[in-house]
Amino acid sequence: MKKLLAIVLTLSAATAFAQPDMAKYDKSCKVCHASGAAGAPKTGDAAAWEPRTAKGMEVLLVSVNKGLNAMPPKGMCFDCSDADYTALIEYMSTPAQ
């Protein structure tokens, strides 16, 4: 029983850390990713995100930090960490419910 509780707590903690900071999404990512402006893959459009996520998170983090095409460096989120970007990318690339 103790092992099961430890596993549940560990999974709960991992899920809590993976949640995106929605204030950061709202102030930077949402501007383009909500509407698909400038060719940005829309939040929740898994098909549009698939070729990007297939490259792997490391490649995506480089693209975010350096900028890519119309996306400026850091996606205009200058206080975001790589962990923030990872959570935001996972959020945006998850199919809409």
N, C-alpha and C. Protein backbone atom coordinates (compact mmCIF):
# COMPACT_ATOMS: atom_id res chain seq x y z
N MET A 1 0.82 -1.19 0.00
CA MET A 1 0.00 0.00 0.00
C MET A 1 0.87 1.26 0.00
N LYS A 2 1.97 1.23 0.75
CA LYS A 2 2.86 2.39 0.81
C LYS A 2 3.49 2.66 -0.56
N LYS A 3 3.83 1.57 -1.27
CA LYS A 3 4.42 1.73 -2.61
C LYS A 3 3.43 2.36 -3.56
N LEU A 4 2.18 1.93 -3.49
CA LEU A 4 1.14 2.49 -4.35
C LEU A 4 0.95 3.98 -4.06
N LEU A 5 0.91 4.32 -2.80
CA LEU A 5 0.76 5.73 -2.42
C LEU A 5 1.95 6.55 -2.92
N ALA A 6 3.15 6.01 -2.80
CA ALA A 6 4.34 6.71 -3.28
C ALA A 6 4.29 6.93 -4.79
N ILE A 7 3.82 5.93 -5.52
CA ILE A 7 3.71 6.06 -6.99
C ILE A 7 2.67 7.12 -7.34
N VAL A 8 1.53 7.09 -6.67
CA VAL A 8 0.48 8.07 -6.93
C VAL A 8 0.97 9.48 -6.64
N LEU A 9 1.65 9.67 -5.53
CA LEU A 9 2.17 10.99 -5.18
C LEU A 9 3.22 11.46 -6.17
N THR A 10 4.06 10.55 -6.62
CA THR A 10 5.09 10.90 -7.60
C THR A 10 4.46 11.32 -8.91
N LEU A 11 3.48 10.56 -9.39
CA LEU A 11 2.81 10.91 -10.63
C LEU A 11 2.05 12.22 -10.50
N SER A 12 1.44 12.45 -9.36
CA SER A 12 0.72 13.71 -9.14
C SER A 12 1.69 14.88 -9.16
N ALA A 13 2.83 14.73 -8.54
CA ALA A 13 3.83 15.81 -8.53
C ALA A 13 4.35 16.07 -9.93
N ALA A 14 4.61 15.03 -10.69
CA ALA A 14 5.12 15.21 -12.05
C ALA A 14 4.09 15.92 -12.91
N THR A 15 2.82 15.59 -12.74
CA THR A 15 1.77 16.25 -13.50
C THR A 15 1.65 17.71 -13.10
N ALA A 16 1.79 18.00 -11.83
CA ALA A 16 1.69 19.38 -11.36
C ALA A 16 2.81 20.23 -11.95
N PHE A 17 4.01 19.70 -12.05
CA PHE A 17 5.13 20.45 -12.59
C PHE A 17 5.01 20.64 -14.10
N ALA A 18 4.29 19.76 -14.77
CA ALA A 18 4.19 19.82 -16.22
C ALA A 18 3.13 20.82 -16.69
N GLN A 19 2.34 21.37 -15.77
CA GLN A 19 1.29 22.30 -16.14
C GLN A 19 1.90 23.62 -16.60
N PRO A 20 1.40 24.15 -17.72
CA PRO A 20 1.96 25.41 -18.21
C PRO A 20 1.51 26.59 -17.37
N ASP A 21 2.31 27.62 -17.37
CA ASP A 21 1.96 28.87 -16.72
C ASP A 21 1.07 29.62 -17.71
N MET A 22 -0.23 29.61 -17.46
CA MET A 22 -1.17 30.18 -18.42
C MET A 22 -1.02 31.70 -18.56
N ALA A 23 -0.49 32.36 -17.56
CA ALA A 23 -0.23 33.80 -17.70
C ALA A 23 0.85 34.03 -18.75
N LYS A 24 1.86 33.15 -18.77
CA LYS A 24 2.91 33.27 -19.78
C LYS A 24 2.37 32.93 -21.16
N TYR A 25 1.50 31.94 -21.25
CA TYR A 25 0.86 31.60 -22.52
C TYR A 25 0.04 32.80 -23.02
N ASP A 26 -0.75 33.37 -22.13
CA ASP A 26 -1.63 34.48 -22.50
C ASP A 26 -0.86 35.71 -22.97
N LYS A 27 0.29 35.98 -22.36
CA LYS A 27 1.02 37.21 -22.71
C LYS A 27 1.95 37.04 -23.91
N SER A 28 2.25 35.80 -24.30
CA SER A 28 3.19 35.64 -25.41
C SER A 28 2.68 34.64 -26.45
N CYS A 29 2.55 33.41 -26.13
CA CYS A 29 2.22 32.35 -27.10
C CYS A 29 0.86 32.55 -27.76
N LYS A 30 -0.12 32.93 -26.95
CA LYS A 30 -1.51 33.02 -27.41
C LYS A 30 -1.68 33.99 -28.58
N VAL A 31 -0.87 35.02 -28.61
CA VAL A 31 -0.98 36.05 -29.65
C VAL A 31 -1.01 35.41 -31.04
N CYS A 32 -0.14 34.46 -31.29
CA CYS A 32 -0.08 33.82 -32.62
C CYS A 32 -0.69 32.42 -32.62
N HIS A 33 -0.49 31.66 -31.55
CA HIS A 33 -0.89 30.26 -31.57
C HIS A 33 -2.39 30.06 -31.37
N ALA A 34 -3.12 31.05 -30.89
CA ALA A 34 -4.58 30.92 -30.79
C ALA A 34 -5.23 31.05 -32.16
N SER A 35 -4.66 31.91 -33.01
CA SER A 35 -5.28 32.18 -34.31
C SER A 35 -4.54 31.55 -35.48
N GLY A 36 -3.30 31.14 -35.26
CA GLY A 36 -2.49 30.61 -36.36
C GLY A 36 -1.81 31.71 -37.15
N ALA A 37 -1.70 32.89 -36.56
CA ALA A 37 -1.08 34.03 -37.23
C ALA A 37 0.33 33.69 -37.69
N ALA A 38 0.68 34.20 -38.85
CA ALA A 38 2.03 34.05 -39.43
C ALA A 38 2.46 32.59 -39.56
N GLY A 39 1.49 31.69 -39.72
CA GLY A 39 1.81 30.28 -39.92
C GLY A 39 2.08 29.49 -38.65
N ALA A 40 1.82 30.10 -37.49
CA ALA A 40 2.02 29.39 -36.22
C ALA A 40 1.01 28.25 -36.11
N PRO A 41 1.45 27.08 -35.64
CA PRO A 41 0.49 25.99 -35.44
C PRO A 41 -0.47 26.37 -34.30
N LYS A 42 -1.75 26.18 -34.53
CA LYS A 42 -2.74 26.56 -33.53
C LYS A 42 -2.68 25.66 -32.30
N THR A 43 -2.95 26.26 -31.17
CA THR A 43 -3.05 25.51 -29.92
C THR A 43 -4.18 24.48 -30.07
N GLY A 44 -3.87 23.24 -29.75
CA GLY A 44 -4.85 22.17 -29.80
C GLY A 44 -4.95 21.47 -31.14
N ASP A 45 -4.23 21.95 -32.15
CA ASP A 45 -4.26 21.32 -33.48
C ASP A 45 -3.10 20.33 -33.57
N ALA A 46 -3.37 19.12 -33.10
CA ALA A 46 -2.32 18.09 -33.02
C ALA A 46 -1.72 17.78 -34.38
N ALA A 47 -2.51 17.82 -35.44
CA ALA A 47 -1.99 17.52 -36.77
C ALA A 47 -0.97 18.57 -37.21
N ALA A 48 -1.23 19.83 -36.90
CA ALA A 48 -0.29 20.89 -37.26
C ALA A 48 0.99 20.81 -36.44
N TRP A 49 0.88 20.34 -35.21
CA TRP A 49 2.03 20.23 -34.33
C TRP A 49 2.86 18.98 -34.59
N GLU A 50 2.25 17.93 -35.16
CA GLU A 50 2.93 16.64 -35.28
C GLU A 50 4.29 16.71 -35.97
N PRO A 51 4.43 17.38 -37.12
CA PRO A 51 5.76 17.41 -37.74
C PRO A 51 6.79 18.16 -36.88
N ARG A 52 6.33 19.06 -36.06
CA ARG A 52 7.23 19.80 -35.19
C ARG A 52 7.65 18.94 -33.99
N THR A 53 6.66 18.32 -33.35
CA THR A 53 6.98 17.49 -32.17
C THR A 53 7.79 16.26 -32.56
N ALA A 54 7.64 15.82 -33.81
CA ALA A 54 8.41 14.67 -34.28
C ALA A 54 9.91 14.95 -34.28
N LYS A 55 10.29 16.21 -34.33
CA LYS A 55 11.70 16.59 -34.30
C LYS A 55 12.31 16.43 -32.91
N GLY A 56 11.46 16.39 -31.90
CA GLY A 56 11.93 16.24 -30.53
C GLY A 56 11.95 17.57 -29.78
N MET A 57 11.82 17.47 -28.48
CA MET A 57 11.73 18.66 -27.64
C MET A 57 13.00 19.49 -27.69
N GLU A 58 14.16 18.85 -27.76
CA GLU A 58 15.43 19.60 -27.80
C GLU A 58 15.46 20.55 -29.00
N VAL A 59 15.04 20.06 -30.15
CA VAL A 59 15.02 20.87 -31.37
C VAL A 59 14.01 22.01 -31.22
N LEU A 60 12.85 21.70 -30.65
CA LEU A 60 11.84 22.74 -30.44
C LEU A 60 12.34 23.82 -29.49
N LEU A 61 13.05 23.43 -28.46
CA LEU A 61 13.58 24.41 -27.51
C LEU A 61 14.61 25.33 -28.18
N VAL A 62 15.42 24.78 -29.06
CA VAL A 62 16.38 25.61 -29.81
C VAL A 62 15.62 26.61 -30.68
N SER A 63 14.59 26.13 -31.37
CA SER A 63 13.79 27.01 -32.22
C SER A 63 13.15 28.14 -31.43
N VAL A 64 12.61 27.82 -30.25
CA VAL A 64 11.97 28.84 -29.42
C VAL A 64 13.02 29.85 -28.95
N ASN A 65 14.13 29.37 -28.46
CA ASN A 65 15.14 30.27 -27.91
C ASN A 65 15.78 31.17 -28.97
N LYS A 66 16.00 30.62 -30.16
CA LYS A 66 16.64 31.41 -31.23
C LYS A 66 15.64 32.14 -32.10
N GLY A 67 14.40 31.66 -32.12
CA GLY A 67 13.39 32.19 -33.02
C GLY A 67 13.40 31.35 -34.29
N LEU A 68 12.27 31.34 -34.98
CA LEU A 68 12.16 30.56 -36.21
C LEU A 68 11.08 31.18 -37.08
N ASN A 69 11.45 31.46 -38.32
CA ASN A 69 10.52 32.10 -39.26
C ASN A 69 9.97 33.38 -38.63
N ALA A 70 8.65 33.50 -38.49
CA ALA A 70 8.05 34.73 -37.95
C ALA A 70 8.11 34.78 -36.42
N MET A 71 8.44 33.66 -35.76
CA MET A 71 8.48 33.67 -34.30
C MET A 71 9.78 34.31 -33.83
N PRO A 72 9.67 35.36 -33.02
CA PRO A 72 10.88 36.01 -32.54
C PRO A 72 11.58 35.16 -31.48
N PRO A 73 12.86 35.45 -31.23
CA PRO A 73 13.57 34.71 -30.18
C PRO A 73 12.79 34.72 -28.86
N LYS A 74 12.78 33.58 -28.24
CA LYS A 74 12.12 33.34 -26.96
C LYS A 74 10.60 33.49 -27.06
N GLY A 75 10.08 33.62 -28.28
CA GLY A 75 8.64 33.75 -28.44
C GLY A 75 8.07 34.93 -27.69
N MET A 76 8.91 35.91 -27.43
CA MET A 76 8.56 37.12 -26.68
C MET A 76 8.28 36.85 -25.19
N CYS A 77 8.68 35.68 -24.71
CA CYS A 77 8.53 35.36 -23.28
C CYS A 77 9.93 35.34 -22.67
N PHE A 78 10.41 36.50 -22.31
CA PHE A 78 11.79 36.63 -21.85
C PHE A 78 12.02 36.13 -20.43
N ASP A 79 10.93 35.86 -19.70
CA ASP A 79 11.10 35.29 -18.36
C ASP A 79 10.75 33.79 -18.33
N CYS A 80 10.59 33.19 -19.50
CA CYS A 80 10.31 31.75 -19.57
C CYS A 80 11.62 30.95 -19.49
N SER A 81 11.55 29.86 -18.78
CA SER A 81 12.67 28.91 -18.71
C SER A 81 12.41 27.80 -19.73
N ASP A 82 13.40 26.95 -19.94
CA ASP A 82 13.18 25.80 -20.82
C ASP A 82 12.07 24.91 -20.30
N ALA A 83 11.94 24.80 -18.98
CA ALA A 83 10.84 24.02 -18.40
C ALA A 83 9.50 24.66 -18.73
N ASP A 84 9.43 26.00 -18.68
CA ASP A 84 8.20 26.70 -19.07
C ASP A 84 7.87 26.42 -20.54
N TYR A 85 8.89 26.55 -21.41
CA TYR A 85 8.66 26.31 -22.83
C TYR A 85 8.21 24.88 -23.08
N THR A 86 8.80 23.93 -22.39
CA THR A 86 8.42 22.53 -22.56
C THR A 86 6.95 22.34 -22.18
N ALA A 87 6.55 22.87 -21.05
CA ALA A 87 5.15 22.75 -20.61
C ALA A 87 4.21 23.46 -21.58
N LEU A 88 4.62 24.62 -22.07
CA LEU A 88 3.78 25.37 -23.02
C LEU A 88 3.65 24.63 -24.35
N ILE A 89 4.75 24.08 -24.84
CA ILE A 89 4.71 23.32 -26.10
C ILE A 89 3.82 22.09 -25.93
N GLU A 90 3.96 21.38 -24.82
CA GLU A 90 3.12 20.21 -24.58
C GLU A 90 1.65 20.61 -24.52
N TYR A 91 1.36 21.73 -23.88
CA TYR A 91 -0.02 22.23 -23.80
C TYR A 91 -0.55 22.56 -25.19
N MET A 92 0.23 23.31 -25.96
CA MET A 92 -0.25 23.76 -27.27
C MET A 92 -0.39 22.60 -28.26
N SER A 93 0.45 21.60 -28.14
CA SER A 93 0.44 20.50 -29.11
C SER A 93 -0.52 19.37 -28.73
N THR A 94 -1.16 19.47 -27.58
CA THR A 94 -2.12 18.46 -27.15
C THR A 94 -3.45 18.70 -27.85
N PRO A 95 -4.08 17.66 -28.40
CA PRO A 95 -5.35 17.85 -29.09
C PRO A 95 -6.38 18.55 -28.21
N ALA A 96 -7.13 19.46 -28.84
CA ALA A 96 -8.19 20.17 -28.12
C ALA A 96 -9.24 19.17 -27.66
N GLN A 97 -9.78 19.42 -26.52
CA GLN A 97 -10.79 18.51 -25.94
C GLN A 97 -12.17 18.87 -26.43
